[in-house]
Protein backbone atom coordinates (compact mmCIF):
# COMPACT_ATOMS: atom_id res chain seq x y z
CA UNK A 1 -6.41 -4.96 27.39
CA UNK A 2 -8.33 -8.26 26.93
CA UNK A 3 -12.02 -8.25 25.98
CA UNK A 4 -14.13 -11.22 25.58
CA UNK A 5 -16.02 -11.27 22.24
CA UNK A 6 -19.47 -13.21 21.73
CA UNK A 7 -19.10 -16.43 19.83
CA UNK A 8 -21.67 -15.57 17.23
CA UNK A 9 -19.78 -12.34 16.35
CA UNK A 10 -16.46 -14.53 15.80
CA UNK A 11 -18.55 -16.89 13.67
CA UNK A 12 -19.92 -14.12 11.65
CA UNK A 13 -16.39 -12.64 11.18
CA UNK A 14 -15.10 -16.00 10.07
CA UNK A 15 -17.92 -16.53 7.62
CA UNK A 16 -17.66 -12.97 6.10
CA UNK A 17 -13.97 -13.42 5.86
CA UNK A 18 -14.47 -16.75 3.97
CA UNK A 19 -16.83 -15.00 1.49
CA UNK A 20 -14.33 -12.06 1.08
CA UNK A 21 -11.67 -14.54 0.13
CA UNK A 22 -13.88 -16.13 -2.43
CA UNK A 23 -14.74 -12.61 -3.75
CA UNK A 24 -11.07 -11.55 -4.05
CA UNK A 25 -10.12 -14.82 -5.74
CA UNK A 26 -12.99 -14.50 -8.34
CA UNK A 27 -11.90 -10.76 -9.05
CA UNK A 28 -8.24 -11.70 -9.48
CA UNK A 29 -8.96 -14.58 -11.66
CA UNK A 30 -11.32 -12.37 -13.91
CA UNK A 31 -8.44 -9.74 -13.89
CA UNK A 32 -5.89 -12.24 -15.16
CA UNK A 33 -7.97 -13.97 -17.62
CA UNK A 34 -9.68 -10.87 -18.80
CA UNK A 35 -6.28 -9.42 -19.60
CA UNK A 36 -5.81 -11.84 -22.41
CA UNK A 37 -9.36 -10.92 -23.77
CA UNK A 38 -9.07 -7.17 -23.92
CA UNK A 39 -10.53 -6.28 -27.30
CA UNK A 40 -8.54 -3.09 -27.85
CA UNK A 41 -7.63 -3.26 -31.46
CA UNK A 42 -3.89 -2.55 -31.06
CA UNK A 43 -3.42 -4.30 -27.68
CA UNK A 44 -1.19 -7.41 -27.70
CA UNK A 45 -1.28 -9.41 -24.44
CA UNK A 46 2.00 -10.94 -23.25
CA UNK A 47 2.34 -13.48 -20.36
CA UNK A 48 5.98 -12.52 -19.70
CA UNK A 49 5.17 -8.89 -19.63
CA UNK A 50 2.23 -9.38 -17.27
CA UNK A 51 4.40 -11.55 -14.78
CA UNK A 52 7.37 -9.05 -15.03
CA UNK A 53 5.24 -5.99 -14.28
CA UNK A 54 3.47 -7.70 -11.39
CA UNK A 55 6.77 -8.36 -9.88
CA UNK A 56 7.77 -4.83 -10.51
CA UNK A 57 4.59 -3.52 -9.06
CA UNK A 58 5.25 -5.57 -5.84
CA UNK A 59 8.66 -3.94 -5.60
CA UNK A 60 7.19 -0.57 -6.00
CA UNK A 61 4.63 -1.34 -3.18
CA UNK A 62 7.46 -2.43 -0.89
CA UNK A 63 9.17 0.85 -1.65
CA UNK A 64 6.00 2.68 -0.85
CA UNK A 65 5.81 0.73 2.37
CA UNK A 66 9.23 1.92 3.50
CA UNK A 67 8.34 5.46 2.37
CA UNK A 68 5.12 5.11 4.42
CA UNK A 69 7.26 4.33 7.48
CA UNK A 70 9.28 7.56 6.93
CA UNK A 71 6.09 9.68 6.88
CA UNK A 72 4.61 7.75 9.88
CA UNK A 73 7.34 9.16 12.03
CA UNK A 74 6.61 12.74 10.98
CA UNK A 75 4.05 15.32 10.99
CA UNK A 76 1.19 14.71 8.60
CA UNK A 77 1.94 17.79 6.69
CA UNK A 78 4.93 15.79 5.21
CA UNK A 79 2.52 13.47 3.46
CA UNK A 80 0.20 16.30 2.35
CA UNK A 81 3.19 18.00 0.81
CA UNK A 82 4.22 14.82 -0.88
CA UNK A 83 0.84 14.35 -2.33
CA UNK A 84 0.63 17.84 -3.62
CA UNK A 85 4.12 17.47 -5.09
CA UNK A 86 3.15 14.23 -6.92
CA UNK A 87 -0.01 15.92 -8.24
CA UNK A 88 2.19 18.34 -10.31
CA UNK A 89 2.60 15.83 -13.29
CA UNK A 90 -1.28 15.62 -13.43
CA UNK A 91 -1.40 19.37 -13.96
CA UNK A 92 1.33 19.20 -16.59
CA UNK A 93 -0.81 16.51 -18.42
CA UNK A 94 -3.98 18.76 -18.18
CA UNK A 95 -2.05 21.70 -19.68
CA UNK A 96 -0.23 19.74 -22.44
CA UNK A 97 -3.09 17.63 -23.62
CA UNK A 98 -6.19 19.55 -24.73
CA UNK A 99 -9.51 17.74 -23.69
CA UNK A 100 -11.99 16.61 -26.48
CA UNK A 101 -14.59 14.97 -24.33
CA UNK A 102 -16.57 11.96 -25.67
CA UNK A 103 -19.53 9.81 -24.35
CA UNK A 104 -20.54 10.42 -20.85
CA UNK A 105 -17.70 13.13 -20.25
CA UNK A 106 -19.15 14.99 -23.36
CA UNK A 107 -22.53 14.98 -22.04
CA UNK A 108 -21.39 16.38 -18.51
CA UNK A 109 -19.49 19.07 -20.23
CA UNK A 110 -22.16 20.08 -22.61
CA UNK A 111 -24.87 20.21 -20.04
CA UNK A 112 -22.86 22.04 -17.48
CA UNK A 113 -21.71 24.52 -19.85
CA UNK A 114 -25.07 25.28 -21.40
CA UNK A 115 -26.47 25.72 -17.96
CA UNK A 116 -23.62 28.02 -16.89
CA UNK A 117 -24.36 30.08 -20.00
CA UNK A 118 -27.78 30.72 -18.84
CA UNK A 119 -29.89 28.03 -20.50
CA UNK A 120 -32.59 26.54 -18.37
CA UNK A 121 -33.04 22.76 -17.85
CA UNK A 122 -36.61 23.09 -19.11
CA UNK A 123 -35.33 24.69 -22.37
CA UNK A 124 -32.60 21.89 -22.74
CA UNK A 125 -35.26 19.31 -22.11
CA UNK A 126 -37.63 21.05 -24.82
CA UNK A 127 -34.98 21.17 -27.64
CA UNK A 128 -34.08 17.50 -26.86
CA UNK A 129 -30.52 17.96 -25.39
CA UNK A 130 -31.38 15.84 -22.39
CA UNK A 131 -32.48 12.95 -24.41
CA UNK A 132 -32.87 9.92 -22.17
CA UNK A 133 -31.47 11.61 -19.14
CA UNK A 134 -35.01 11.49 -17.65
CA UNK A 135 -34.22 7.88 -16.65
CA UNK A 136 -30.62 8.67 -15.83
CA UNK A 137 -30.89 11.75 -13.47
CA UNK A 138 -27.33 11.14 -12.20
CA UNK A 139 -26.04 12.69 -15.43
CA UNK A 140 -28.08 15.94 -14.46
CA UNK A 141 -26.70 15.77 -11.00
CA UNK A 142 -23.14 15.62 -12.17
CA UNK A 143 -23.65 18.32 -14.83
CA UNK A 144 -25.42 20.59 -12.09
CA UNK A 145 -22.24 20.19 -9.93
CA UNK A 146 -19.94 21.10 -12.87
CA UNK A 147 -22.39 23.97 -13.76
CA UNK A 148 -21.66 25.62 -10.37
CA UNK A 149 -17.96 25.13 -10.71
CA UNK A 150 -18.13 26.86 -14.04
CA UNK A 151 -20.02 29.70 -12.82
CA UNK A 152 -17.45 30.12 -9.69
CA UNK A 153 -14.33 29.88 -11.74
CA UNK A 154 -14.62 29.78 -15.61
CA UNK A 155 -16.61 27.96 -18.17
CA UNK A 156 -13.97 25.60 -19.17
CA UNK A 157 -13.61 21.78 -18.83
CA UNK A 158 -10.17 22.50 -17.32
CA UNK A 159 -11.88 23.65 -14.23
CA UNK A 160 -13.30 20.32 -13.73
CA UNK A 161 -9.88 18.69 -14.41
CA UNK A 162 -8.15 20.77 -11.90
CA UNK A 163 -11.16 20.09 -9.47
CA UNK A 164 -10.60 16.26 -9.93
CA UNK A 165 -6.96 16.48 -9.17
CA UNK A 166 -7.63 18.44 -5.92
CA UNK A 167 -10.49 16.07 -4.84
CA UNK A 168 -8.21 13.00 -5.62
CA UNK A 169 -5.55 14.41 -3.35
CA UNK A 170 -7.97 15.29 -0.53
CA UNK A 171 -9.34 11.62 -0.82
CA UNK A 172 -5.94 10.37 -0.34
CA UNK A 173 -5.67 12.28 2.95
CA UNK A 174 -9.06 10.86 3.99
CA UNK A 175 -7.77 7.41 3.22
CA UNK A 176 -4.80 7.94 5.49
CA UNK A 177 -7.02 9.15 8.29
CA UNK A 178 -9.61 6.31 8.17
CA UNK A 179 -7.04 3.43 7.90
CA UNK A 180 -4.97 4.79 10.48
CA UNK A 181 -7.94 4.78 12.86
CA UNK A 182 -8.62 1.08 12.36
CA UNK A 183 -5.00 -0.02 12.05
CA UNK A 184 -1.95 2.21 12.68
CA UNK A 185 -0.34 5.28 11.31
CA UNK A 186 2.13 3.47 9.08
CA UNK A 187 -0.54 1.32 7.48
CA UNK A 188 -2.65 4.51 6.97
CA UNK A 189 0.16 6.25 5.23
CA UNK A 190 0.80 3.43 2.91
CA UNK A 191 -2.87 2.98 2.14
CA UNK A 192 -3.05 6.66 0.99
CA UNK A 193 -0.14 6.39 -1.27
CA UNK A 194 -1.36 3.15 -2.78
CA UNK A 195 -4.65 4.85 -3.46
CA UNK A 196 -2.95 8.00 -4.91
CA UNK A 197 -0.46 6.00 -7.18
CA UNK A 198 -2.62 3.49 -8.66
CA UNK A 199 -1.50 3.95 -12.14
CA UNK A 200 -4.88 3.70 -14.25
CA UNK A 201 -6.69 5.72 -11.48
CA UNK A 202 -3.75 8.47 -11.46
CA UNK A 203 -4.37 8.98 -15.19
CA UNK A 204 -8.12 8.92 -14.93
CA UNK A 205 -8.25 11.74 -12.35
CA UNK A 206 -6.90 14.15 -14.94
CA UNK A 207 -10.11 14.01 -16.95
CA UNK A 208 -13.59 15.22 -16.13
CA UNK A 209 -15.24 11.98 -15.02
CA UNK A 210 -17.50 12.09 -11.84
CA UNK A 211 -15.68 9.03 -10.23
CA UNK A 212 -13.23 11.22 -8.10
CA UNK A 213 -16.10 13.16 -6.39
CA UNK A 214 -18.02 9.91 -5.92
CA UNK A 215 -15.20 8.14 -4.24
CA UNK A 216 -14.43 11.20 -2.16
CA UNK A 217 -18.07 11.13 -0.80
CA UNK A 218 -17.91 7.41 -0.08
CA UNK A 219 -14.63 7.76 1.79
CA UNK A 220 -16.17 10.88 3.64
CA UNK A 221 -19.19 8.79 4.52
CA UNK A 222 -16.80 6.11 5.98
CA UNK A 223 -14.84 8.72 8.02
CA UNK A 224 -18.10 9.77 9.38
CA UNK A 225 -19.18 6.30 10.28
CA UNK A 226 -15.91 5.65 12.43
CA UNK A 227 -17.13 8.73 14.45
CA UNK A 228 -20.62 7.41 14.73
CA UNK A 229 -19.55 4.14 16.49
CA UNK A 230 -17.82 6.09 19.20
CA UNK A 231 -20.82 8.01 20.45
CA UNK A 232 -22.31 7.04 23.64
CA UNK A 233 -25.23 9.46 24.24
CA UNK A 234 -28.26 10.26 22.36
CA UNK A 235 -28.30 13.85 24.04
CA UNK A 236 -25.04 14.49 22.31
CA UNK A 237 -25.92 16.99 19.47
CA UNK A 238 -22.73 15.88 17.65
CA UNK A 239 -24.18 12.46 17.36
CA UNK A 240 -27.25 13.65 15.49
CA UNK A 241 -25.23 15.97 13.20
CA UNK A 242 -23.08 12.97 12.34
CA UNK A 243 -26.23 10.84 11.70
CA UNK A 244 -27.61 13.44 9.56
CA UNK A 245 -24.27 14.06 7.55
CA UNK A 246 -23.75 10.30 6.81
CA UNK A 247 -27.37 10.16 5.38
CA UNK A 248 -26.78 13.31 3.24
CA UNK A 249 -23.20 12.35 2.07
CA UNK A 250 -24.52 8.75 1.05
CA UNK A 251 -27.50 10.23 -0.83
CA UNK A 252 -25.04 12.57 -2.64
CA UNK A 253 -22.95 9.75 -3.60
CA UNK A 254 -26.04 7.87 -4.70
CA UNK A 255 -27.12 10.89 -6.89
CA UNK A 256 -23.84 10.67 -8.71
CA UNK A 257 -23.56 6.71 -8.89
CA UNK A 258 -26.72 4.71 -7.98
CA UNK A 259 -24.26 1.85 -6.72
CA UNK A 260 -23.86 3.77 -3.46
CA UNK A 261 -27.02 1.98 -2.13
CA UNK A 262 -24.57 -1.03 -1.51
CA UNK A 263 -22.54 1.16 0.94
CA UNK A 264 -25.54 2.13 3.04
CA UNK A 265 -26.56 -1.44 3.39
CA UNK A 266 -22.96 -2.44 4.17
CA UNK A 267 -22.69 0.22 6.97
CA UNK A 268 -25.66 -0.97 8.69
CA UNK A 269 -24.46 -4.57 8.66
CA UNK A 270 -21.08 -3.45 10.05
CA UNK A 271 -22.48 -1.65 12.99
CA UNK A 272 -24.84 -4.33 14.00
CA UNK A 273 -22.06 -7.15 13.80
CA UNK A 274 -18.86 -5.39 14.57
CA UNK A 275 -16.79 -6.52 17.68
CA UNK A 276 -17.27 -4.50 20.79
CA UNK A 277 -14.45 -2.32 21.79
CA UNK A 278 -13.26 -1.28 25.34
CA UNK A 279 -15.50 1.03 27.34
CA UNK A 280 -14.20 4.66 27.47
CA UNK A 281 -14.79 5.03 31.18
CA UNK A 282 -13.23 3.09 34.08
CA UNK A 283 -15.35 3.74 37.24
CA UNK A 284 -17.79 1.59 39.28
CA UNK A 285 -19.51 -1.47 37.93
CA UNK A 286 -22.84 0.41 37.49
CA UNK A 287 -21.31 3.15 35.30
CA UNK A 288 -19.45 0.49 33.42
CA UNK A 289 -22.73 -1.43 32.73
CA UNK A 290 -24.30 1.86 31.53
CA UNK A 291 -21.37 2.53 29.38
CA UNK A 292 -21.65 -0.97 27.77
CA UNK A 293 -25.38 -0.60 27.14
CA UNK A 294 -24.64 2.88 25.54
CA UNK A 295 -21.65 1.50 23.43
CA UNK A 296 -24.21 -1.21 22.08
CA UNK A 297 -27.32 0.84 21.47
CA UNK A 298 -26.32 4.37 20.54
CA UNK A 299 -24.42 3.37 17.35
CA UNK A 300 -26.97 0.86 16.28
CA UNK A 301 -29.83 3.07 16.73
CA UNK A 302 -27.89 5.79 14.99
CA UNK A 303 -27.29 3.71 11.94
CA UNK A 304 -31.03 2.65 11.77
CA UNK A 305 -31.82 6.37 11.68
CA UNK A 306 -29.19 6.72 8.89
CA UNK A 307 -30.61 3.85 6.96
CA UNK A 308 -34.10 5.14 7.15
CA UNK A 309 -33.12 8.67 6.27
CA UNK A 310 -30.94 7.49 3.27
CA UNK A 311 -33.62 5.27 1.89
CA UNK A 312 -36.22 8.03 2.36
CA UNK A 313 -34.17 10.55 0.51
CA UNK A 314 -33.58 7.93 -2.28
CA UNK A 315 -37.23 7.48 -2.66
CA UNK A 316 -37.84 11.32 -2.62
CA UNK A 317 -35.05 11.97 -5.11
CA UNK A 318 -37.26 11.79 -8.39
CA UNK A 319 -39.75 14.30 -6.69
CA UNK A 320 -36.82 16.54 -5.67
CA UNK A 321 -35.30 16.31 -9.28
CA UNK A 322 -38.63 17.26 -10.86
CA UNK A 323 -38.97 20.25 -8.56
CA UNK A 324 -35.40 21.46 -9.03
CA UNK A 325 -34.83 20.80 -12.70
CA UNK A 326 -38.31 21.62 -13.86
CA UNK A 327 -38.28 18.58 -16.24
CA UNK A 328 -40.05 15.04 -16.12
CA UNK A 329 -38.04 12.51 -14.38
CA UNK A 330 -39.06 8.63 -14.25
CA UNK A 331 -39.44 6.82 -10.99
CA UNK A 332 -36.18 5.16 -9.66
CA UNK A 333 -37.78 1.84 -10.65
CA UNK A 334 -37.21 2.64 -14.41
CA UNK A 335 -33.51 3.25 -13.86
CA UNK A 336 -33.27 0.11 -11.80
CA UNK A 337 -35.07 -1.83 -14.52
CA UNK A 338 -32.56 -0.36 -17.10
CA UNK A 339 -29.38 -1.25 -15.25
CA UNK A 340 -30.69 -4.82 -14.58
CA UNK A 341 -31.74 -5.30 -18.24
CA UNK A 342 -28.47 -4.08 -19.60
CA UNK A 343 -26.50 -5.88 -16.81
CA UNK A 344 -28.03 -9.30 -17.73
CA UNK A 345 -27.88 -8.84 -21.39
CA UNK A 346 -25.94 -11.93 -22.80
CA UNK A 347 -25.41 -10.33 -26.25
CA UNK A 348 -23.35 -7.36 -24.84
CA UNK A 349 -21.74 -9.06 -21.74
CA UNK A 350 -23.58 -6.79 -19.34
CA UNK A 351 -22.35 -3.43 -20.85
CA UNK A 352 -24.09 -0.73 -22.75
CA UNK A 353 -26.49 -2.02 -25.42
CA UNK A 354 -27.30 0.05 -28.51
CA UNK A 355 -30.24 -2.05 -29.26
CA UNK A 356 -31.86 -1.43 -25.81
CA UNK A 357 -31.13 2.40 -26.24
CA UNK A 358 -32.75 2.25 -29.83
CA UNK A 359 -35.86 0.54 -28.27
CA UNK A 360 -36.07 3.29 -25.63
CA UNK A 361 -35.64 6.08 -28.15
CA UNK A 362 -38.79 4.74 -30.05
CA UNK A 363 -40.93 5.90 -27.11
CA UNK A 364 -38.71 8.85 -26.29
CA UNK A 365 -39.15 10.46 -29.64
CA UNK A 366 -42.71 9.69 -30.09
CA UNK A 367 -44.30 13.22 -29.78
CA UNK A 368 -47.74 11.78 -29.62
CA UNK A 369 -47.26 10.12 -26.14
CA UNK A 370 -47.37 11.86 -22.85
CA UNK A 371 -44.41 11.50 -20.55
CA UNK A 372 -46.28 9.16 -18.43
CA UNK A 373 -46.93 6.93 -21.38
CA UNK A 374 -43.32 7.22 -22.44
CA UNK A 375 -42.31 6.22 -18.96
CA UNK A 376 -44.62 3.23 -19.18
CA UNK A 377 -43.13 2.26 -22.56
CA UNK A 378 -39.58 2.58 -21.13
CA UNK A 379 -40.64 0.22 -18.30
CA UNK A 380 -42.24 -2.31 -20.62
CA UNK A 381 -39.13 -2.35 -22.84
CA UNK A 382 -36.88 -2.98 -19.93
CA UNK A 383 -38.82 -5.49 -18.08
CA UNK A 384 -39.39 -7.51 -21.22
CA UNK A 385 -35.60 -7.49 -21.99
CA UNK A 386 -34.82 -8.45 -18.54
CA UNK A 387 -37.31 -11.46 -18.67
CA UNK A 388 -35.76 -12.36 -22.02
CA UNK A 389 -32.16 -12.25 -20.72
CA UNK A 390 -32.98 -14.38 -17.48
CA UNK A 391 -34.83 -17.09 -19.79
CA UNK A 392 -32.01 -17.15 -22.28
CA UNK A 393 -29.28 -17.67 -19.63
CA UNK A 394 -31.36 -20.00 -17.56
CA UNK A 395 -32.51 -22.12 -20.44
CA UNK A 396 -29.01 -22.55 -21.82
CA UNK A 397 -27.45 -22.84 -18.30
CA UNK A 398 -25.11 -20.11 -19.20
CA UNK A 399 -25.12 -17.95 -15.94
CA UNK A 400 -21.71 -18.93 -14.80
CA UNK A 401 -19.97 -18.38 -17.94
CA UNK A 402 -21.95 -15.09 -18.58
CA UNK A 403 -21.03 -13.67 -14.95
CA UNK A 404 -17.50 -14.62 -15.19
CA UNK A 405 -17.05 -12.93 -18.64
CA UNK A 406 -19.02 -9.89 -17.35
CA UNK A 407 -16.51 -9.76 -14.37
CA UNK A 408 -13.65 -9.86 -16.91
CA UNK A 409 -15.06 -6.73 -18.58
CA UNK A 410 -15.46 -4.98 -15.34
CA UNK A 411 -11.96 -5.60 -14.04
CA UNK A 412 -10.12 -4.58 -17.21
CA UNK A 413 -7.58 -2.07 -15.70
CA UNK A 414 -6.82 -0.24 -19.04
CA UNK A 415 -9.71 2.22 -18.47
CA UNK A 416 -7.54 5.07 -17.31
CA UNK A 417 -5.19 5.20 -20.34
CA UNK A 418 -7.98 4.37 -22.97
CA UNK A 419 -10.28 7.03 -21.47
CA UNK A 420 -7.20 9.54 -21.46
CA UNK A 421 -6.40 8.81 -24.98
CA UNK A 422 -10.03 8.90 -26.29
CA UNK A 423 -10.89 12.07 -24.54
CA UNK A 424 -7.63 13.95 -25.50
CA UNK A 425 -7.26 12.51 -29.11
CA UNK A 426 -7.21 15.04 -31.88
CA UNK A 427 -9.98 13.64 -33.97
CA UNK A 428 -8.53 14.15 -37.48
CA UNK A 429 -4.90 14.19 -37.09
CA UNK A 430 -4.36 11.25 -34.53
CA UNK A 431 -4.77 7.62 -34.98
CA UNK A 432 -8.08 6.13 -33.82
CA UNK A 433 -6.22 3.79 -31.47
CA UNK A 434 -3.12 3.97 -29.44
CA UNK A 435 0.03 2.60 -30.77
CA UNK A 436 0.64 -1.05 -29.77
CA UNK A 437 3.68 -0.31 -27.79
CA UNK A 438 1.79 2.38 -25.61
CA UNK A 439 -1.41 0.54 -25.01
CA UNK A 440 0.44 -2.82 -24.34
CA UNK A 441 3.11 -1.36 -21.74
CA UNK A 442 0.50 0.72 -20.06
CA UNK A 443 -1.97 -2.14 -19.67
CA UNK A 444 0.83 -4.33 -18.36
CA UNK A 445 1.61 -1.73 -15.78
CA UNK A 446 -1.77 -1.28 -14.68
CA UNK A 447 -2.70 -4.85 -14.54
CA UNK A 448 0.41 -5.78 -12.82
CA UNK A 449 -0.27 -3.09 -10.13
CA UNK A 450 -3.78 -4.40 -9.61
CA UNK A 451 -2.80 -8.09 -9.43
CA UNK A 452 -0.16 -7.13 -6.91
CA UNK A 453 -2.66 -5.29 -4.76
CA UNK A 454 -5.16 -8.33 -4.82
CA UNK A 455 -2.37 -10.62 -3.85
CA UNK A 456 -1.85 -8.58 -0.80
CA UNK A 457 -5.58 -8.37 -0.06
CA UNK A 458 -5.81 -12.02 -0.33
CA UNK A 459 -2.78 -12.34 2.18
CA UNK A 460 -4.46 -10.06 4.65
CA UNK A 461 -7.73 -12.01 4.38
CA UNK A 462 -6.14 -15.48 4.89
CA UNK A 463 -4.25 -14.24 7.98
CA UNK A 464 -7.75 -13.36 9.58
CA UNK A 465 -8.54 -17.03 9.51
CA UNK A 466 -5.83 -17.54 12.29
CA UNK A 467 -7.36 -17.32 15.71
CA UNK A 468 -6.28 -14.16 17.63
CA UNK A 469 -6.25 -13.22 21.16
CA UNK A 470 -9.31 -11.01 22.25
CA UNK A 471 -7.94 -7.52 23.00
CA UNK A 472 -8.75 -3.83 22.32
CA UNK A 473 -6.40 -3.56 19.43
CA UNK A 474 -7.42 -6.69 17.90
CA UNK A 475 -11.13 -5.66 18.18
CA UNK A 476 -10.39 -2.34 16.42
CA UNK A 477 -8.31 -3.92 13.65
CA UNK A 478 -10.94 -6.73 13.06
CA UNK A 479 -13.62 -4.12 12.74
CA UNK A 480 -11.48 -2.26 10.04
CA UNK A 481 -11.10 -5.62 8.36
CA UNK A 482 -14.88 -6.30 8.73
CA UNK A 483 -16.20 -3.09 7.26
CA UNK A 484 -13.84 -3.52 4.10
CA UNK A 485 -14.78 -7.22 3.71
CA UNK A 486 -18.43 -6.17 3.84
CA UNK A 487 -17.97 -3.67 1.05
CA UNK A 488 -15.83 -6.04 -1.02
CA UNK A 489 -18.50 -8.69 -0.88
CA UNK A 490 -21.39 -6.18 -1.56
CA UNK A 491 -19.76 -4.69 -4.53
CA UNK A 492 -18.77 -7.98 -5.96
CA UNK A 493 -22.54 -9.19 -5.72
CA UNK A 494 -24.05 -5.97 -7.00
CA UNK A 495 -21.95 -5.93 -10.12
CA UNK A 496 -23.02 -9.52 -11.03
CA UNK A 497 -26.53 -8.03 -11.64
CA UNK A 498 -26.11 -4.55 -12.92
CA UNK A 499 -24.62 -2.80 -15.93
CA UNK A 500 -20.76 -2.70 -15.78
CA UNK A 501 -17.96 -0.58 -17.37
CA UNK A 502 -14.38 -1.15 -16.63
CA UNK A 503 -14.07 2.28 -14.74
CA UNK A 504 -16.82 1.03 -12.22
CA UNK A 505 -13.92 -1.20 -10.67
CA UNK A 506 -13.14 2.08 -8.89
CA UNK A 507 -15.61 1.07 -6.32
CA UNK A 508 -13.25 -1.61 -5.25
CA UNK A 509 -10.50 0.67 -4.45
CA UNK A 510 -12.12 1.45 -1.09
CA UNK A 511 -11.71 -1.93 0.34
CA UNK A 512 -8.46 -2.90 -1.60
CA UNK A 513 -6.39 0.07 -0.25
CA UNK A 514 -6.97 -0.86 3.37
CA UNK A 515 -6.69 -4.57 2.97
CA UNK A 516 -3.67 -4.59 0.68
CA UNK A 517 -1.98 -2.37 3.42
CA UNK A 518 -2.71 -5.03 6.08
CA UNK A 519 -1.16 -7.53 3.62
CA UNK A 520 1.97 -5.67 3.30
CA UNK A 521 2.21 -5.30 6.96
CA UNK A 522 2.12 -9.07 7.21
CA UNK A 523 4.67 -9.44 4.33
CA UNK A 524 7.10 -7.04 5.84
CA UNK A 525 6.65 -7.01 9.56
CA UNK A 526 10.27 -6.28 10.45
CA UNK A 527 9.78 -2.85 8.58
CA UNK A 528 6.57 -1.91 10.31
CA UNK A 529 6.62 1.31 12.32
CA UNK A 530 4.82 0.68 15.56
CA UNK A 531 5.23 3.36 18.12
CA UNK A 532 3.70 3.31 21.60
CA UNK A 533 -0.03 2.80 21.53
CA UNK A 534 -2.25 5.88 22.52
CA UNK A 535 -5.93 5.52 23.17
CA UNK A 536 -8.22 8.39 23.92
CA UNK A 537 -10.73 8.41 26.79
CA UNK A 538 -13.63 8.25 24.12
CA UNK A 539 -11.96 5.16 22.66
CA UNK A 540 -11.34 7.12 19.54
CA UNK A 541 -7.74 6.27 19.04
CA UNK A 542 -6.65 7.82 15.81
CA UNK A 543 -3.18 8.02 17.19
CA UNK A 544 -0.24 5.72 16.34
CA UNK A 545 -0.89 2.11 17.06
């Protein structure tokens, strides 16, 4: 079915695609050059090894593409069973390697276990266990979630490890559903497997990090968004339930990782600038006109309500936290100042700074100050640091170099194996660092996989610059490309400003898995499974391209 699209939407799509191409080139370049600057003590970068594993990763992705074609022709339960079967090695790792959490994971585990044992948040604050968590309430949110899991099952970190394995498998099924909706079933099956089998992510999901839950919530919000754009009536109560759920799910994701704000903004831009799709009814001209007006206004008003509710909840979150946890919580602006002060710090490259933490602790441990005075002190330290960072980088014209090196740190793909080793290492009877053969080979594998994925992403984006005929299928697919481009650009920009850690690159998995799947479809068109198209009356074709 042909459908004429407005010229300004086509221009917007072209400009966004161009920006996304620049973003993926920036990330891919930082991944490759950053590979040679990984500072892990026993790591030995090797050009031949990186090239070899990139080629092998592309071969593995091609095999997954053919396997996706097999699953696309069968009941979805086949994929579910396969994902479940492939989760067994994770369970083996959990049972074989005992967890000894460090850093953030240590905090999550200790706070959750203490709360599950009956200790109140107020008591933990009083004895100093919470430390600087008053400006990092996401730590409390994560620990609180784990606390409930401990109460339901058992007070053991293995509960969280098994929980993350299940959540990562469920997220893969969500990926399949979302990508199938915008593209086709074959592409959706492939995207699910790419997400699930990304090597460093596969290993990381056996630990007790909060990222699996965070990514699940983000994909869930995207799944709800695809439902929102198909509503055509304000009187449909399902519409309002969906609006409310998107706001709540985004707020839950924001409570775990404050980066989620970028997704709320991205969703709003997508709904307003997406291509129009075919009306769901084919009756007289007047009914068709009402349908077109409803198709335009209902989703847009809905996303405005989502945005207002989400931002409203975000502003109320510190008050809600104070009421729920019963401890002082700083305003959100203090946390924002912290991530900007750390994220622009040229001395650390935008990662955690011991010096900034020490300066905050001077106020935090000053018992003569009230909490309001401590928070004012925090804010003064952070705003001064931020101003000094900006002045330093501007005076020395070092912004470009700093931002690129910061992106190199963000894109290091060895976070999974390093986190696994450090959190399962026997502290006294095991080496401080992984053997060179282990860290080098595992980093080559994970880097090669991510480079291969980004090559496919770049291919999919470049093909979008080729003019296409206006049609229902093209509009649906271009909308799928558009939402992923917006997320890709948004996350690239936000990471230029805020604190980074290599595991934060997980945020890019959302656009990468969909866009790389389209790239593979263009690379292997003769092996693409494309059954007869089936579109529902509501325009919600989750069927089989």
